[in-house]
Amino acid sequence: MNWYTGVLKKYAVFSGRARRKVYWMFVLINIIVSVVFVAIDNVIGTASDSGTGVLSGLYSLAVLLPTLAVLVRRLHDTNRSGWWILINLVPFIGSLWLLFILASDGTPGDNSYGSNPKAAA
């Protein structure tokens, strides 16, 4: 749970680097919490026809900025600019390429975005 709360504490920090483990654990916990909120929305009857409801919508808005920040820091770990998020705009191939980048290991040692987070851990 420290990975999740650590990302939330740095909710608007777009500088520095984020390890692969930190990013993917945040994504995993974020998905689990989202599924729980969707289930609660369905149980209490606030879900719309699309399946989203009040709680899940508010949660999505609350974690939008931390999600973007950790994504940019993960890209920095691979020695890429945060602007690489825009590769998602290329249909299908862009998302696959971004997934490949996010799953790859970070740059060993220091890079132009900071020191290696693995060395600090």
C-alpha atoms as a PDB file:
ATOM      1  CA  MET A   1       0.000   0.000   0.000  1.00  0.00           C
ATOM      2  CA  ASN A   2       3.036   2.274   0.400  1.00  0.00           C
ATOM      3  CA  TRP A   3       3.401   2.447  -3.374  1.00  0.00           C
ATOM      4  CA  TYR A   4      -0.117   3.792  -3.706  1.00  0.00           C
ATOM      5  CA  THR A   5       0.099   6.322  -0.888  1.00  0.00           C
ATOM      6  CA  GLY A   6       3.592   7.370  -1.979  1.00  0.00           C
ATOM      7  CA  VAL A   7       2.268   8.284  -5.420  1.00  0.00           C
ATOM      8  CA  LEU A   8      -0.669  10.159  -3.887  1.00  0.00           C
ATOM      9  CA  LYS A   9       1.695  12.135  -1.653  1.00  0.00           C
ATOM     10  CA  LYS A  10       3.566  13.269  -4.791  1.00  0.00           C
ATOM     11  CA  TYR A  11       0.284  13.942  -6.599  1.00  0.00           C
ATOM     12  CA  ALA A  12       1.535  16.851  -8.710  1.00  0.00           C
ATOM     13  CA  VAL A  13       5.256  16.076  -8.939  1.00  0.00           C
ATOM     14  CA  PHE A  14       6.096  15.681 -12.600  1.00  0.00           C
ATOM     15  CA  SER A  15       9.872  15.803 -12.139  1.00  0.00           C
ATOM     16  CA  GLY A  16      12.138  12.966 -11.167  1.00  0.00           C
ATOM     17  CA  ARG A  17      11.863   9.271 -11.850  1.00  0.00           C
ATOM     18  CA  ALA A  18       9.518   6.457 -10.789  1.00  0.00           C
ATOM     19  CA  ARG A  19      10.533   2.817 -10.683  1.00  0.00           C
ATOM     20  CA  ARG A  20       8.675   0.217 -12.680  1.00  0.00           C
ATOM     21  CA  LYS A  21       7.431  -1.457  -9.494  1.00  0.00           C
ATOM     22  CA  VAL A  22       6.036   1.794  -8.088  1.00  0.00           C
ATOM     23  CA  TYR A  23       4.153   2.537 -11.310  1.00  0.00           C
ATOM     24  CA  TRP A  24       2.656  -0.921 -11.798  1.00  0.00           C
ATOM     25  CA  MET A  25       1.694  -1.371  -8.135  1.00  0.00           C
ATOM     26  CA  PHE A  26      -0.072   1.994  -8.278  1.00  0.00           C
ATOM     27  CA  VAL A  27      -1.899   0.896 -11.432  1.00  0.00           C
ATOM     28  CA  LEU A  28      -2.902  -2.426  -9.841  1.00  0.00           C
ATOM     29  CA  ILE A  29      -4.230  -0.848  -6.638  1.00  0.00           C
ATOM     30  CA  ASN A  30      -5.947   1.870  -8.671  1.00  0.00           C
ATOM     31  CA  ILE A  31      -7.771  -0.761 -10.745  1.00  0.00           C
ATOM     32  CA  ILE A  32      -8.850  -2.658  -7.623  1.00  0.00           C
ATOM     33  CA  VAL A  33     -10.173   0.501  -5.938  1.00  0.00           C
ATOM     34  CA  SER A  34     -11.973   1.492  -9.155  1.00  0.00           C
ATOM     35  CA  VAL A  35     -13.679  -1.907  -9.396  1.00  0.00           C
ATOM     36  CA  VAL A  36     -14.788  -1.622  -5.764  1.00  0.00           C
ATOM     37  CA  PHE A  37     -16.278   1.834  -6.375  1.00  0.00           C
ATOM     38  CA  VAL A  38     -18.089   0.644  -9.510  1.00  0.00           C
ATOM     39  CA  ALA A  39     -19.536  -2.268  -7.511  1.00  0.00           C
ATOM     40  CA  ILE A  40     -20.659   0.082  -4.755  1.00  0.00           C
ATOM     41  CA  ASP A  41     -22.225   2.409  -7.336  1.00  0.00           C
ATOM     42  CA  ASN A  42     -24.140  -0.528  -8.794  1.00  0.00           C
ATOM     43  CA  VAL A  43     -25.314  -1.719  -5.382  1.00  0.00           C
ATOM     44  CA  ILE A  44     -26.568   1.669  -4.202  1.00  0.00           C
ATOM     45  CA  GLY A  45     -28.085   2.427  -7.584  1.00  0.00           C
ATOM     46  CA  THR A  46     -26.074   5.483  -8.608  1.00  0.00           C
ATOM     47  CA  ALA A  47     -24.564   3.839 -11.695  1.00  0.00           C
ATOM     48  CA  SER A  48     -25.687   5.024 -15.100  1.00  0.00           C
ATOM     49  CA  ASP A  49     -26.261   2.847 -18.161  1.00  0.00           C
ATOM     50  CA  SER A  50     -22.551   3.083 -18.981  1.00  0.00           C
ATOM     51  CA  GLY A  51     -21.643   1.563 -15.603  1.00  0.00           C
ATOM     52  CA  THR A  52     -20.035   4.637 -14.104  1.00  0.00           C
ATOM     53  CA  GLY A  53     -21.539   6.255 -11.084  1.00  0.00           C
ATOM     54  CA  VAL A  54     -21.017   9.087  -8.658  1.00  0.00           C
ATOM     55  CA  LEU A  55     -18.392   7.398  -6.493  1.00  0.00           C
ATOM     56  CA  SER A  56     -16.385   5.933  -9.341  1.00  0.00           C
ATOM     57  CA  GLY A  57     -16.536   9.233 -11.237  1.00  0.00           C
ATOM     58  CA  LEU A  58     -15.334  11.228  -8.240  1.00  0.00           C
ATOM     59  CA  TYR A  59     -12.546   8.720  -7.605  1.00  0.00           C
ATOM     60  CA  SER A  60     -11.452   8.906 -11.244  1.00  0.00           C
ATOM     61  CA  LEU A  61     -11.255  12.691 -11.049  1.00  0.00           C
ATOM     62  CA  ALA A  62      -9.363  12.518  -7.744  1.00  0.00           C
ATOM     63  CA  VAL A  63      -6.612  10.247  -9.098  1.00  0.00           C
ATOM     64  CA  LEU A  64      -6.317  11.782 -12.575  1.00  0.00           C
ATOM     65  CA  LEU A  65      -3.466  14.144 -11.700  1.00  0.00           C
ATOM     66  CA  PRO A  66      -1.488  11.593  -9.598  1.00  0.00           C
ATOM     67  CA  THR A  67      -1.869   9.045 -12.402  1.00  0.00           C
ATOM     68  CA  LEU A  68      -0.500  11.465 -14.993  1.00  0.00           C
ATOM     69  CA  ALA A  69       2.332  12.486 -12.661  1.00  0.00           C
ATOM     70  CA  VAL A  70       3.491   8.926 -11.976  1.00  0.00           C
ATOM     71  CA  LEU A  71       3.195   8.128 -15.693  1.00  0.00           C
ATOM     72  CA  VAL A  72       5.463  11.058 -16.561  1.00  0.00           C
ATOM     73  CA  ARG A  73       7.946  10.056 -13.857  1.00  0.00           C
ATOM     74  CA  ARG A  74       7.929   6.481 -15.216  1.00  0.00           C
ATOM     75  CA  LEU A  75       8.691   7.808 -18.693  1.00  0.00           C
ATOM     76  CA  HIS A  76      11.506   9.863 -17.184  1.00  0.00           C
ATOM     77  CA  ASP A  77      12.938   6.653 -15.711  1.00  0.00           C
ATOM     78  CA  THR A  78      13.245   5.298 -19.257  1.00  0.00           C
ATOM     79  CA  ASN A  79      14.959   8.573 -20.260  1.00  0.00           C
ATOM     80  CA  ARG A  80      11.982   9.836 -22.263  1.00  0.00           C
ATOM     81  CA  SER A  81      10.059  13.071 -22.022  1.00  0.00           C
ATOM     82  CA  GLY A  82       6.579  13.153 -20.535  1.00  0.00           C
ATOM     83  CA  TRP A  83       5.320  14.193 -23.949  1.00  0.00           C
ATOM     84  CA  TRP A  84       5.607  10.516 -24.949  1.00  0.00           C
ATOM     85  CA  ILE A  85       2.125  10.145 -23.406  1.00  0.00           C
ATOM     86  CA  LEU A  86       0.841  11.571 -26.680  1.00  0.00           C
ATOM     87  CA  ILE A  87       1.961   8.403 -28.507  1.00  0.00           C
ATOM     88  CA  ASN A  88      -1.396   7.070 -27.271  1.00  0.00           C
ATOM     89  CA  LEU A  89      -3.047   9.205 -29.938  1.00  0.00           C
ATOM     90  CA  VAL A  90      -1.738   6.827 -32.610  1.00  0.00           C
ATOM     91  CA  PRO A  91      -4.480   4.196 -32.864  1.00  0.00           C
ATOM     92  CA  PHE A  92      -3.638   0.764 -31.420  1.00  0.00           C
ATOM     93  CA  ILE A  93       0.119   0.867 -32.152  1.00  0.00           C
ATOM     94  CA  GLY A  94       0.630   3.906 -29.925  1.00  0.00           C
ATOM     95  CA  SER A  95      -0.922   2.248 -26.897  1.00  0.00           C
ATOM     96  CA  LEU A  96       1.082  -0.918 -27.457  1.00  0.00           C
ATOM     97  CA  TRP A  97       4.302   1.057 -27.810  1.00  0.00           C
ATOM     98  CA  LEU A  98       3.594   3.037 -24.625  1.00  0.00           C
ATOM     99  CA  LEU A  99       2.849  -0.213 -22.787  1.00  0.00           C
ATOM    100  CA  PHE A 100       6.169  -1.600 -24.014  1.00  0.00           C
ATOM    101  CA  ILE A 101       8.004   1.516 -22.804  1.00  0.00           C
ATOM    102  CA  LEU A 102       6.312   1.415 -19.398  1.00  0.00           C
ATOM    103  CA  ALA A 103       7.116  -2.275 -18.958  1.00  0.00           C
ATOM    104  CA  SER A 104      10.777  -1.889 -19.907  1.00  0.00           C
ATOM    105  CA  ASP A 105      13.493  -1.384 -17.323  1.00  0.00           C
ATOM    106  CA  GLY A 106      14.609   2.135 -16.506  1.00  0.00           C
ATOM    107  CA  THR A 107      17.907   3.690 -17.488  1.00  0.00           C
ATOM    108  CA  PRO A 108      20.680   2.315 -15.272  1.00  0.00           C
ATOM    109  CA  GLY A 109      22.472   5.030 -13.375  1.00  0.00           C
ATOM    110  CA  ASP A 110      21.676   8.699 -13.601  1.00  0.00           C
ATOM    111  CA  ASN A 111      19.964  10.218 -16.611  1.00  0.00           C
ATOM    112  CA  SER A 112      18.860  13.725 -17.558  1.00  0.00           C
ATOM    113  CA  TYR A 113      15.786  13.434 -15.299  1.00  0.00           C
ATOM    114  CA  GLY A 114      17.540  12.511 -12.076  1.00  0.00           C
ATOM    115  CA  SER A 115      19.309   9.791 -10.184  1.00  0.00           C
ATOM    116  CA  ASN A 116      18.409   6.131 -10.414  1.00  0.00           C
ATOM    117  CA  PRO A 117      15.521   5.359  -8.014  1.00  0.00           C
ATOM    118  CA  LYS A 118      16.713   1.743  -7.722  1.00  0.00           C
ATOM    119  CA  ALA A 119      19.961   2.909  -6.178  1.00  0.00           C
ATOM    120  CA  ALA A 120      18.044   4.878  -3.541  1.00  0.00           C
ATOM    121  CA  ALA A 121      15.826   1.941  -2.594  1.00  0.00           C
END
